[in-house]
Amino acid sequence: MSNYTKEQTETLIDRYKRNPNRDTVILLAREFEKSTKSIIGKLAREGVYQRQSYKTKTGEDPVTKEELVIQIAEKLEIESRFVAGLEKSPKAALKYLLDSIN
């Protein structure tokens, strides 16, 4: 048994496709008296949900310490296994090091 009728599903998809953002999900949740997680889950199962991309406070795409270490190793033309443990350094230090060798 489904929590959504065929008509509800069609309405969800149509309204979300017209304005695919978090505010639309919240409005749909209120309208259908469902949780936002339920709405997101349904839209994801229907293949239409678009996950919002995360940005850092500075507006950049997030980068993990491990990715920074790999980039540093590539710039130095060495294998990343030789700098194993470097990912435990502060992120700011890794970014500074990468910028310095660029």
PDB file of N, CA and C in Angstrom:
ATOM      1  N   MET A   1       0.840  -1.187   0.000  1.00  0.00           N
ATOM      2  CA  MET A   1       0.000   0.000   0.000  1.00  0.00           C
ATOM      3  C   MET A   1       0.880   1.243   0.000  1.00  0.00           C
ATOM      4  N   SER A   2       0.554   2.187  -0.821  1.00  0.00           N
ATOM      5  CA  SER A   2       1.342   3.402  -0.962  1.00  0.00           C
ATOM      6  C   SER A   2       0.782   4.521  -0.086  1.00  0.00           C
ATOM      7  N   ASN A   3       1.667   5.396   0.367  1.00  0.00           N
ATOM      8  CA  ASN A   3       1.237   6.547   1.159  1.00  0.00           C
ATOM      9  C   ASN A   3       0.686   7.665   0.282  1.00  0.00           C
ATOM     10  N   TYR A   4       0.873   7.532  -1.022  1.00  0.00           N
ATOM     11  CA  TYR A   4       0.452   8.571  -1.964  1.00  0.00           C
ATOM     12  C   TYR A   4      -0.395   7.958  -3.062  1.00  0.00           C
ATOM     13  N   THR A   5      -1.477   8.647  -3.409  1.00  0.00           N
ATOM     14  CA  THR A   5      -2.292   8.194  -4.535  1.00  0.00           C
ATOM     15  C   THR A   5      -1.575   8.565  -5.826  1.00  0.00           C
ATOM     16  N   LYS A   6      -2.082   8.021  -6.911  1.00  0.00           N
ATOM     17  CA  LYS A   6      -1.508   8.335  -8.221  1.00  0.00           C
ATOM     18  C   LYS A   6      -1.629   9.835  -8.506  1.00  0.00           C
ATOM     19  N   GLU A   7      -2.772  10.410  -8.161  1.00  0.00           N
ATOM     20  CA  GLU A   7      -3.005  11.838  -8.390  1.00  0.00           C
ATOM     21  C   GLU A   7      -2.057  12.693  -7.535  1.00  0.00           C
ATOM     22  N   GLN A   8      -1.885  12.298  -6.273  1.00  0.00           N
ATOM     23  CA  GLN A   8      -0.967  13.033  -5.403  1.00  0.00           C
ATOM     24  C   GLN A   8       0.453  12.977  -5.951  1.00  0.00           C
ATOM     25  N   THR A   9       0.859  11.807  -6.401  1.00  0.00           N
ATOM     26  CA  THR A   9       2.196  11.636  -6.958  1.00  0.00           C
ATOM     27  C   THR A   9       2.398  12.525  -8.173  1.00  0.00           C
ATOM     28  N   GLU A  10       1.414  12.548  -9.048  1.00  0.00           N
ATOM     29  CA  GLU A  10       1.503  13.390 -10.246  1.00  0.00           C
ATOM     30  C   GLU A  10       1.589  14.867  -9.863  1.00  0.00           C
ATOM     31  N   THR A  11       0.799  15.282  -8.866  1.00  0.00           N
ATOM     32  CA  THR A  11       0.824  16.671  -8.400  1.00  0.00           C
ATOM     33  C   THR A  11       2.180  17.015  -7.813  1.00  0.00           C
ATOM     34  N   LEU A  12       2.701  16.110  -6.968  1.00  0.00           N
ATOM     35  CA  LEU A  12       4.032  16.328  -6.369  1.00  0.00           C
ATOM     36  C   LEU A  12       5.087  16.532  -7.447  1.00  0.00           C
ATOM     37  N   ILE A  13       5.114  15.634  -8.394  1.00  0.00           N
ATOM     38  CA  ILE A  13       6.120  15.685  -9.454  1.00  0.00           C
ATOM     39  C   ILE A  13       5.986  16.971 -10.267  1.00  0.00           C
ATOM     40  N   ASP A  14       4.758  17.287 -10.663  1.00  0.00           N
ATOM     41  CA  ASP A  14       4.519  18.477 -11.481  1.00  0.00           C
ATOM     42  C   ASP A  14       4.948  19.750 -10.756  1.00  0.00           C
ATOM     43  N   ARG A  15       4.514  19.902  -9.518  1.00  0.00           N
ATOM     44  CA  ARG A  15       4.830  21.121  -8.756  1.00  0.00           C
ATOM     45  C   ARG A  15       6.322  21.217  -8.464  1.00  0.00           C
ATOM     46  N   TYR A  16       6.949  20.091  -8.152  1.00  0.00           N
ATOM     47  CA  TYR A  16       8.382  20.115  -7.844  1.00  0.00           C
ATOM     48  C   TYR A  16       9.203  20.424  -9.092  1.00  0.00           C
ATOM     49  N   LYS A  17       8.821  19.847 -10.230  1.00  0.00           N
ATOM     50  CA  LYS A  17       9.558  20.105 -11.475  1.00  0.00           C
ATOM     51  C   LYS A  17       9.503  21.576 -11.869  1.00  0.00           C
ATOM     52  N   ARG A  18       8.394  22.234 -11.573  1.00  0.00           N
ATOM     53  CA  ARG A  18       8.268  23.660 -11.907  1.00  0.00           C
ATOM     54  C   ARG A  18       9.184  24.526 -11.055  1.00  0.00           C
ATOM     55  N   ASN A  19       9.440  24.100  -9.818  1.00  0.00           N
ATOM     56  CA  ASN A  19      10.263  24.902  -8.906  1.00  0.00           C
ATOM     57  C   ASN A  19      11.025  23.964  -7.955  1.00  0.00           C
ATOM     58  N   PRO A  20      12.103  23.336  -8.454  1.00  0.00           N
ATOM     59  CA  PRO A  20      12.809  22.314  -7.670  1.00  0.00           C
ATOM     60  C   PRO A  20      13.730  22.895  -6.593  1.00  0.00           C
ATOM     61  N   ASN A  21      13.144  23.213  -5.428  1.00  0.00           N
ATOM     62  CA  ASN A  21      13.971  23.701  -4.321  1.00  0.00           C
ATOM     63  C   ASN A  21      13.356  23.296  -2.987  1.00  0.00           C
ATOM     64  N   ARG A  22      14.057  23.602  -1.927  1.00  0.00           N
ATOM     65  CA  ARG A  22      13.647  23.211  -0.575  1.00  0.00           C
ATOM     66  C   ARG A  22      12.304  23.840  -0.182  1.00  0.00           C
ATOM     67  N   ASP A  23      12.091  25.090  -0.578  1.00  0.00           N
ATOM     68  CA  ASP A  23      10.834  25.758  -0.240  1.00  0.00           C
ATOM     69  C   ASP A  23       9.627  25.020  -0.822  1.00  0.00           C
ATOM     70  N   THR A  24       9.766  24.526  -2.038  1.00  0.00           N
ATOM     71  CA  THR A  24       8.678  23.771  -2.670  1.00  0.00           C
ATOM     72  C   THR A  24       8.401  22.497  -1.875  1.00  0.00           C
ATOM     73  N   VAL A  25       9.469  21.822  -1.433  1.00  0.00           N
ATOM     74  CA  VAL A  25       9.301  20.599  -0.639  1.00  0.00           C
ATOM     75  C   VAL A  25       8.545  20.910   0.650  1.00  0.00           C
ATOM     76  N   ILE A  26       8.898  22.004   1.303  1.00  0.00           N
ATOM     77  CA  ILE A  26       8.228  22.393   2.554  1.00  0.00           C
ATOM     78  C   ILE A  26       6.752  22.687   2.310  1.00  0.00           C
ATOM     79  N   LEU A  27       6.450  23.414   1.243  1.00  0.00           N
ATOM     80  CA  LEU A  27       5.056  23.721   0.914  1.00  0.00           C
ATOM     81  C   LEU A  27       4.259  22.453   0.602  1.00  0.00           C
ATOM     82  N   LEU A  28       4.875  21.536  -0.142  1.00  0.00           N
ATOM     83  CA  LEU A  28       4.197  20.281  -0.461  1.00  0.00           C
ATOM     84  C   LEU A  28       3.950  19.458   0.799  1.00  0.00           C
ATOM     85  N   ALA A  29       4.909  19.463   1.709  1.00  0.00           N
ATOM     86  CA  ALA A  29       4.749  18.716   2.957  1.00  0.00           C
ATOM     87  C   ALA A  29       3.573  19.259   3.766  1.00  0.00           C
ATOM     88  N   ARG A  30       3.463  20.556   3.823  1.00  0.00           N
ATOM     89  CA  ARG A  30       2.330  21.170   4.543  1.00  0.00           C
ATOM     90  C   ARG A  30       1.005  20.840   3.860  1.00  0.00           C
ATOM     91  N   GLU A  31       0.989  20.979   2.544  1.00  0.00           N
ATOM     92  CA  GLU A  31      -0.237  20.745   1.785  1.00  0.00           C
ATOM     93  C   GLU A  31      -0.728  19.303   1.911  1.00  0.00           C
ATOM     94  N   PHE A  32       0.198  18.344   1.852  1.00  0.00           N
ATOM     95  CA  PHE A  32      -0.181  16.926   1.902  1.00  0.00           C
ATOM     96  C   PHE A  32      -0.128  16.348   3.314  1.00  0.00           C
ATOM     97  N   GLU A  33       0.189  17.220   4.286  1.00  0.00           N
ATOM     98  CA  GLU A  33       0.287  16.810   5.691  1.00  0.00           C
ATOM     99  C   GLU A  33       1.227  15.620   5.856  1.00  0.00           C
ATOM    100  N   LYS A  34       2.409  15.767   5.267  1.00  0.00           N
ATOM    101  CA  LYS A  34       3.468  14.756   5.337  1.00  0.00           C
ATOM    102  C   LYS A  34       4.736  15.449   5.821  1.00  0.00           C
ATOM    103  N   SER A  35       5.708  14.664   6.214  1.00  0.00           N
ATOM    104  CA  SER A  35       6.992  15.249   6.607  1.00  0.00           C
ATOM    105  C   SER A  35       7.796  15.601   5.355  1.00  0.00           C
ATOM    106  N   THR A  36       8.735  16.510   5.510  1.00  0.00           N
ATOM    107  CA  THR A  36       9.585  16.861   4.362  1.00  0.00           C
ATOM    108  C   THR A  36      10.388  15.639   3.917  1.00  0.00           C
ATOM    109  N   LYS A  37      10.790  14.794   4.868  1.00  0.00           N
ATOM    110  CA  LYS A  37      11.532  13.576   4.505  1.00  0.00           C
ATOM    111  C   LYS A  37      10.674  12.653   3.647  1.00  0.00           C
ATOM    112  N   SER A  38       9.387  12.574   3.957  1.00  0.00           N
ATOM    113  CA  SER A  38       8.489  11.743   3.171  1.00  0.00           C
ATOM    114  C   SER A  38       8.364  12.275   1.743  1.00  0.00           C
ATOM    115  N   ILE A  39       8.236  13.586   1.618  1.00  0.00           N
ATOM    116  CA  ILE A  39       8.113  14.215   0.291  1.00  0.00           C
ATOM    117  C   ILE A  39       9.401  13.996  -0.502  1.00  0.00           C
ATOM    118  N   ILE A  40      10.549  14.250   0.144  1.00  0.00           N
ATOM    119  CA  ILE A  40      11.834  14.061  -0.525  1.00  0.00           C
ATOM    120  C   ILE A  40      12.005  12.607  -0.948  1.00  0.00           C
ATOM    121  N   GLY A  41      11.640  11.682  -0.055  1.00  0.00           N
ATOM    122  CA  GLY A  41      11.741  10.259  -0.378  1.00  0.00           C
ATOM    123  C   GLY A  41      10.899   9.879  -1.582  1.00  0.00           C
ATOM    124  N   LYS A  42       9.672  10.389  -1.610  1.00  0.00           N
ATOM    125  CA  LYS A  42       8.785  10.082  -2.732  1.00  0.00           C
ATOM    126  C   LYS A  42       9.335  10.657  -4.035  1.00  0.00           C
ATOM    127  N   LEU A  43       9.774  11.910  -3.985  1.00  0.00           N
ATOM    128  CA  LEU A  43      10.331  12.532  -5.192  1.00  0.00           C
ATOM    129  C   LEU A  43      11.601  11.808  -5.655  1.00  0.00           C
ATOM    130  N   ALA A  44      12.394  11.337  -4.703  1.00  0.00           N
ATOM    131  CA  ALA A  44      13.610  10.588  -5.059  1.00  0.00           C
ATOM    132  C   ALA A  44      13.244   9.253  -5.706  1.00  0.00           C
ATOM    133  N   ARG A  45      12.255   8.560  -5.138  1.00  0.00           N
ATOM    134  CA  ARG A  45      11.825   7.282  -5.727  1.00  0.00           C
ATOM    135  C   ARG A  45      11.267   7.472  -7.132  1.00  0.00           C
ATOM    136  N   GLU A  46      10.659   8.627  -7.371  1.00  0.00           N
ATOM    137  CA  GLU A  46      10.106   8.925  -8.692  1.00  0.00           C
ATOM    138  C   GLU A  46      11.195   9.433  -9.650  1.00  0.00           C
ATOM    139  N   GLY A  47      12.393   9.652  -9.133  1.00  0.00           N
ATOM    140  CA  GLY A  47      13.525  10.053  -9.972  1.00  0.00           C
ATOM    141  C   GLY A  47      13.564  11.526 -10.344  1.00  0.00           C
ATOM    142  N   VAL A  48      12.880  12.372  -9.581  1.00  0.00           N
ATOM    143  CA  VAL A  48      12.858  13.793  -9.926  1.00  0.00           C
ATOM    144  C   VAL A  48      13.542  14.690  -8.894  1.00  0.00           C
ATOM    145  N   TYR A  49      13.810  14.162  -7.702  1.00  0.00           N
ATOM    146  CA  TYR A  49      14.396  15.007  -6.652  1.00  0.00           C
ATOM    147  C   TYR A  49      15.819  15.401  -7.012  1.00  0.00           C
ATOM    148  N   GLN A  50      16.106  16.691  -6.860  1.00  0.00           N
ATOM    149  CA  GLN A  50      17.445  17.211  -7.129  1.00  0.00           C
ATOM    150  C   GLN A  50      18.053  17.669  -5.815  1.00  0.00           C
ATOM    151  N   ARG A  51      19.055  16.947  -5.366  1.00  0.00           N
ATOM    152  CA  ARG A  51      19.705  17.284  -4.110  1.00  0.00           C
ATOM    153  C   ARG A  51      20.392  18.636  -4.244  1.00  0.00           C
ATOM    154  N   GLN A  52      20.213  19.474  -3.233  1.00  0.00           N
ATOM    155  CA  GLN A  52      20.828  20.787  -3.239  1.00  0.00           C
ATOM    156  C   GLN A  52      22.311  20.638  -2.937  1.00  0.00           C
ATOM    157  N   SER A  53      23.151  21.289  -3.713  1.00  0.00           N
ATOM    158  CA  SER A  53      24.587  21.169  -3.501  1.00  0.00           C
ATOM    159  C   SER A  53      25.020  22.025  -2.324  1.00  0.00           C
ATOM    160  N   TYR A  54      25.916  21.469  -1.538  1.00  0.00           N
ATOM    161  CA  TYR A  54      26.421  22.141  -0.351  1.00  0.00           C
ATOM    162  C   TYR A  54      27.566  23.074  -0.735  1.00  0.00           C
ATOM    163  N   LYS A  55      27.605  24.232  -0.130  1.00  0.00           N
ATOM    164  CA  LYS A  55      28.698  25.185  -0.317  1.00  0.00           C
ATOM    165  C   LYS A  55      29.261  25.541   1.050  1.00  0.00           C
ATOM    166  N   THR A  56      30.551  25.857   1.092  1.00  0.00           N
ATOM    167  CA  THR A  56      31.159  26.286   2.338  1.00  0.00           C
ATOM    168  C   THR A  56      30.733  27.717   2.643  1.00  0.00           C
ATOM    169  N   LYS A  57      31.145  28.220   3.793  1.00  0.00           N
ATOM    170  CA  LYS A  57      30.810  29.592   4.182  1.00  0.00           C
ATOM    171  C   LYS A  57      31.356  30.608   3.189  1.00  0.00           C
ATOM    172  N   THR A  58      32.442  30.253   2.522  1.00  0.00           N
ATOM    173  CA  THR A  58      33.043  31.163   1.542  1.00  0.00           C
ATOM    174  C   THR A  58      32.433  30.994   0.153  1.00  0.00           C
ATOM    175  N   GLY A  59      31.459  30.069   0.020  1.00  0.00           N
ATOM    176  CA  GLY A  59      30.791  29.872  -1.256  1.00  0.00           C
ATOM    177  C   GLY A  59      31.486  28.897  -2.182  1.00  0.00           C
ATOM    178  N   GLU A  60      32.504  28.203  -1.687  1.00  0.00           N
ATOM    179  CA  GLU A  60      33.242  27.231  -2.500  1.00  0.00           C
ATOM    180  C   GLU A  60      32.653  25.836  -2.324  1.00  0.00           C
ATOM    181  N   ASP A  61      32.953  24.960  -3.283  1.00  0.00           N
ATOM    182  CA  ASP A  61      32.573  23.566  -3.134  1.00  0.00           C
ATOM    183  C   ASP A  61      33.455  22.951  -2.055  1.00  0.00           C
ATOM    184  N   PRO A  62      32.888  22.099  -1.205  1.00  0.00           N
ATOM    185  CA  PRO A  62      33.686  21.503  -0.141  1.00  0.00           C
ATOM    186  C   PRO A  62      34.732  20.533  -0.686  1.00  0.00           C
ATOM    187  N   VAL A  63      35.894  20.523  -0.046  1.00  0.00           N
ATOM    188  CA  VAL A  63      36.986  19.632  -0.423  1.00  0.00           C
ATOM    189  C   VAL A  63      37.463  18.960   0.862  1.00  0.00           C
ATOM    190  N   THR A  64      37.624  17.642   0.825  1.00  0.00           N
ATOM    191  CA  THR A  64      38.083  16.934   2.014  1.00  0.00           C
ATOM    192  C   THR A  64      39.601  17.050   2.144  1.00  0.00           C
ATOM    193  N   LYS A  65      40.078  16.787   3.343  1.00  0.00           N
ATOM    194  CA  LYS A  65      41.524  16.800   3.573  1.00  0.00           C
ATOM    195  C   LYS A  65      42.213  15.754   2.704  1.00  0.00           C
ATOM    196  N   GLU A  66      41.573  14.600   2.560  1.00  0.00           N
ATOM    197  CA  GLU A  66      42.145  13.534   1.738  1.00  0.00           C
ATOM    198  C   GLU A  66      42.319  13.981   0.290  1.00  0.00           C
ATOM    199  N   GLU A  67      41.334  14.710  -0.216  1.00  0.00           N
ATOM    200  CA  GLU A  67      41.435  15.226  -1.589  1.00  0.00           C
ATOM    201  C   GLU A  67      42.569  16.234  -1.706  1.00  0.00           C
ATOM    202  N   LEU A  68      42.738  17.064  -0.685  1.00  0.00           N
ATOM    203  CA  LEU A  68      43.838  18.038  -0.696  1.00  0.00           C
ATOM    204  C   LEU A  68      45.187  17.324  -0.706  1.00  0.00           C
ATOM    205  N   VAL A  69      45.325  16.266   0.098  1.00  0.00           N
ATOM    206  CA  VAL A  69      46.576  15.509   0.149  1.00  0.00           C
ATOM    207  C   VAL A  69      46.874  14.879  -1.205  1.00  0.00           C
ATOM    208  N   ILE A  70      45.859  14.336  -1.853  1.00  0.00           N
ATOM    209  CA  ILE A  70      46.046  13.741  -3.186  1.00  0.00           C
ATOM    210  C   ILE A  70      46.504  14.805  -4.183  1.00  0.00           C
ATOM    211  N   GLN A  71      45.889  15.986  -4.127  1.00  0.00           N
ATOM    212  CA  GLN A  71      46.281  17.077  -5.030  1.00  0.00           C
ATOM    213  C   GLN A  71      47.716  17.513  -4.762  1.00  0.00           C
ATOM    214  N   ILE A  72      48.095  17.577  -3.497  1.00  0.00           N
ATOM    215  CA  ILE A  72      49.475  17.950  -3.138  1.00  0.00           C
ATOM    216  C   ILE A  72      50.441  16.921  -3.702  1.00  0.00           C
ATOM    217  N   ALA A  73      50.143  15.635  -3.519  1.00  0.00           N
ATOM    218  CA  ALA A  73      51.008  14.568  -4.033  1.00  0.00           C
ATOM    219  C   ALA A  73      51.133  14.643  -5.550  1.00  0.00           C
ATOM    220  N   GLU A  74      50.033  14.914  -6.230  1.00  0.00           N
ATOM    221  CA  GLU A  74      50.072  15.036  -7.689  1.00  0.00           C
ATOM    222  C   GLU A  74      50.959  16.193  -8.130  1.00  0.00           C
ATOM    223  N   LYS A  75      50.842  17.331  -7.446  1.00  0.00           N
ATOM    224  CA  LYS A  75      51.663  18.500  -7.796  1.00  0.00           C
ATOM    225  C   LYS A  75      53.144  18.226  -7.562  1.00  0.00           C
ATOM    226  N   LEU A  76      53.442  17.463  -6.516  1.00  0.00           N
ATOM    227  CA  LEU A  76      54.840  17.129  -6.211  1.00  0.00           C
ATOM    228  C   LEU A  76      55.329  15.930  -7.013  1.00  0.00           C
ATOM    229  N   GLU A  77      54.415  15.346  -7.795  1.00  0.00           N
ATOM    230  CA  GLU A  77      54.690  14.180  -8.626  1.00  0.00           C
ATOM    231  C   GLU A  77      55.245  13.019  -7.810  1.00  0.00           C
ATOM    232  N   ILE A  78      54.569  12.759  -6.688  1.00  0.00           N
ATOM    233  CA  ILE A  78      54.893  11.614  -5.846  1.00  0.00           C
ATOM    234  C   ILE A  78      53.612  10.838  -5.579  1.00  0.00           C
ATOM    235  N   GLU A  79      53.769   9.589  -5.120  1.00  0.00           N
ATOM    236  CA  GLU A  79      52.600   8.788  -4.795  1.00  0.00           C
ATOM    237  C   GLU A  79      52.027   9.259  -3.460  1.00  0.00           C
ATOM    238  N   SER A  80      50.718   9.292  -3.373  1.00  0.00           N
ATOM    239  CA  SER A  80      50.075   9.803  -2.165  1.00  0.00           C
ATOM    240  C   SER A  80      50.382   8.949  -0.939  1.00  0.00           C
ATOM    241  N   ARG A  81      50.775   7.689  -1.135  1.00  0.00           N
ATOM    242  CA  ARG A  81      51.110   6.835   0.010  1.00  0.00           C
ATOM    243  C   ARG A  81      52.342   7.343   0.749  1.00  0.00           C
ATOM    244  N   PHE A  82      53.189   8.119   0.053  1.00  0.00           N
ATOM    245  CA  PHE A  82      54.388   8.647   0.690  1.00  0.00           C
ATOM    246  C   PHE A  82      54.085   9.830   1.615  1.00  0.00           C
ATOM    247  N   VAL A  83      52.895  10.374   1.503  1.00  0.00           N
ATOM    248  CA  VAL A  83      52.497  11.476   2.387  1.00  0.00           C
ATOM    249  C   VAL A  83      51.309  11.054   3.254  1.00  0.00           C
ATOM    250  N   ALA A  84      51.209   9.740   3.481  1.00  0.00           N
ATOM    251  CA  ALA A  84      50.131   9.214   4.322  1.00  0.00           C
ATOM    252  C   ALA A  84      50.237   9.839   5.711  1.00  0.00           C
ATOM    253  N   GLY A  85      49.120  10.215   6.256  1.00  0.00           N
ATOM    254  CA  GLY A  85      49.087  10.852   7.566  1.00  0.00           C
ATOM    255  C   GLY A  85      48.996  12.355   7.475  1.00  0.00           C
ATOM    256  N   LEU A  86      49.313  12.899   6.315  1.00  0.00           N
ATOM    257  CA  LEU A  86      49.251  14.342   6.132  1.00  0.00           C
ATOM    258  C   LEU A  86      47.820  14.866   6.263  1.00  0.00           C
ATOM    259  N   GLU A  87      46.838  14.003   5.989  1.00  0.00           N
ATOM    260  CA  GLU A  87      45.432  14.420   6.087  1.00  0.00           C
ATOM    261  C   GLU A  87      45.011  14.738   7.521  1.00  0.00           C
ATOM    262  N   LYS A  88      45.879  14.410   8.489  1.00  0.00           N
ATOM    263  CA  LYS A  88      45.581  14.745   9.888  1.00  0.00           C
ATOM    264  C   LYS A  88      45.979  16.181  10.222  1.00  0.00           C
ATOM    265  N   SER A  89      46.630  16.848   9.283  1.00  0.00           N
ATOM    266  CA  SER A  89      47.020  18.245   9.474  1.00  0.00           C
ATOM    267  C   SER A  89      45.795  19.144   9.380  1.00  0.00           C
ATOM    268  N   PRO A  90      45.880  20.365   9.918  1.00  0.00           N
ATOM    269  CA  PRO A  90      44.759  21.307   9.774  1.00  0.00           C
ATOM    270  C   PRO A  90      44.479  21.599   8.293  1.00  0.00           C
ATOM    271  N   LYS A  91      43.212  21.722   7.965  1.00  0.00           N
ATOM    272  CA  LYS A  91      42.812  21.953   6.574  1.00  0.00           C
ATOM    273  C   LYS A  91      43.431  23.234   6.021  1.00  0.00           C
ATOM    274  N   ALA A  92      43.488  24.269   6.837  1.00  0.00           N
ATOM    275  CA  ALA A  92      44.070  25.537   6.390  1.00  0.00           C
ATOM    276  C   ALA A  92      45.538  25.348   5.995  1.00  0.00           C
ATOM    277  N   ALA A  93      46.250  24.520   6.741  1.00  0.00           N
ATOM    278  CA  ALA A  93      47.661  24.259   6.423  1.00  0.00           C
ATOM    279  C   ALA A  93      47.794  23.513   5.102  1.00  0.00           C
ATOM    280  N   LEU A  94      46.906  22.549   4.878  1.00  0.00           N
ATOM    281  CA  LEU A  94      46.937  21.805   3.622  1.00  0.00           C
ATOM    282  C   LEU A  94      46.620  22.706   2.431  1.00  0.00           C
ATOM    283  N   LYS A  95      45.633  23.582   2.591  1.00  0.00           N
ATOM    284  CA  LYS A  95      45.293  24.523   1.516  1.00  0.00           C
ATOM    285  C   LYS A  95      46.462  25.463   1.233  1.00  0.00           C
ATOM    286  N   TYR A  96      47.114  25.940   2.294  1.00  0.00           N
ATOM    287  CA  TYR A  96      48.258  26.841   2.137  1.00  0.00           C
ATOM    288  C   TYR A  96      49.383  26.129   1.394  1.00  0.00           C
ATOM    289  N   LEU A  97      49.655  24.886   1.786  1.00  0.00           N
ATOM    290  CA  LEU A  97      50.701  24.111   1.131  1.00  0.00           C
ATOM    291  C   LEU A  97      50.384  23.888  -0.344  1.00  0.00           C
ATOM    292  N   LEU A  98      49.158  23.550  -0.643  1.00  0.00           N
ATOM    293  CA  LEU A  98      48.753  23.332  -2.044  1.00  0.00           C
ATOM    294  C   LEU A  98      48.877  24.613  -2.852  1.00  0.00           C
ATOM    295  N   ASP A  99      48.419  25.727  -2.270  1.00  0.00           N
ATOM    296  CA  ASP A  99      48.550  27.025  -2.964  1.00  0.00           C
ATOM    297  C   ASP A  99      50.003  27.397  -3.189  1.00  0.00           C
ATOM    298  N   SER A 100      50.865  27.050  -2.241  1.00  0.00           N
ATOM    299  CA  SER A 100      52.289  27.408  -2.336  1.00  0.00           C
ATOM    300  C   SER A 100      53.007  26.644  -3.436  1.00  0.00           C
ATOM    301  N   ILE A 101      52.594  25.411  -3.686  1.00  0.00           N
ATOM    302  CA  ILE A 101      53.272  24.619  -4.722  1.00  0.00           C
ATOM    303  C   ILE A 101      52.626  24.779  -6.093  1.00  0.00           C
ATOM    304  N   ASN A 102      51.520  25.479  -6.166  1.00  0.00           N
ATOM    305  CA  ASN A 102      50.869  25.723  -7.472  1.00  0.00           C
ATOM    306  C   ASN A 102      51.618  26.750  -8.270  1.00  0.00           C
TER     307      ASN A 102
END
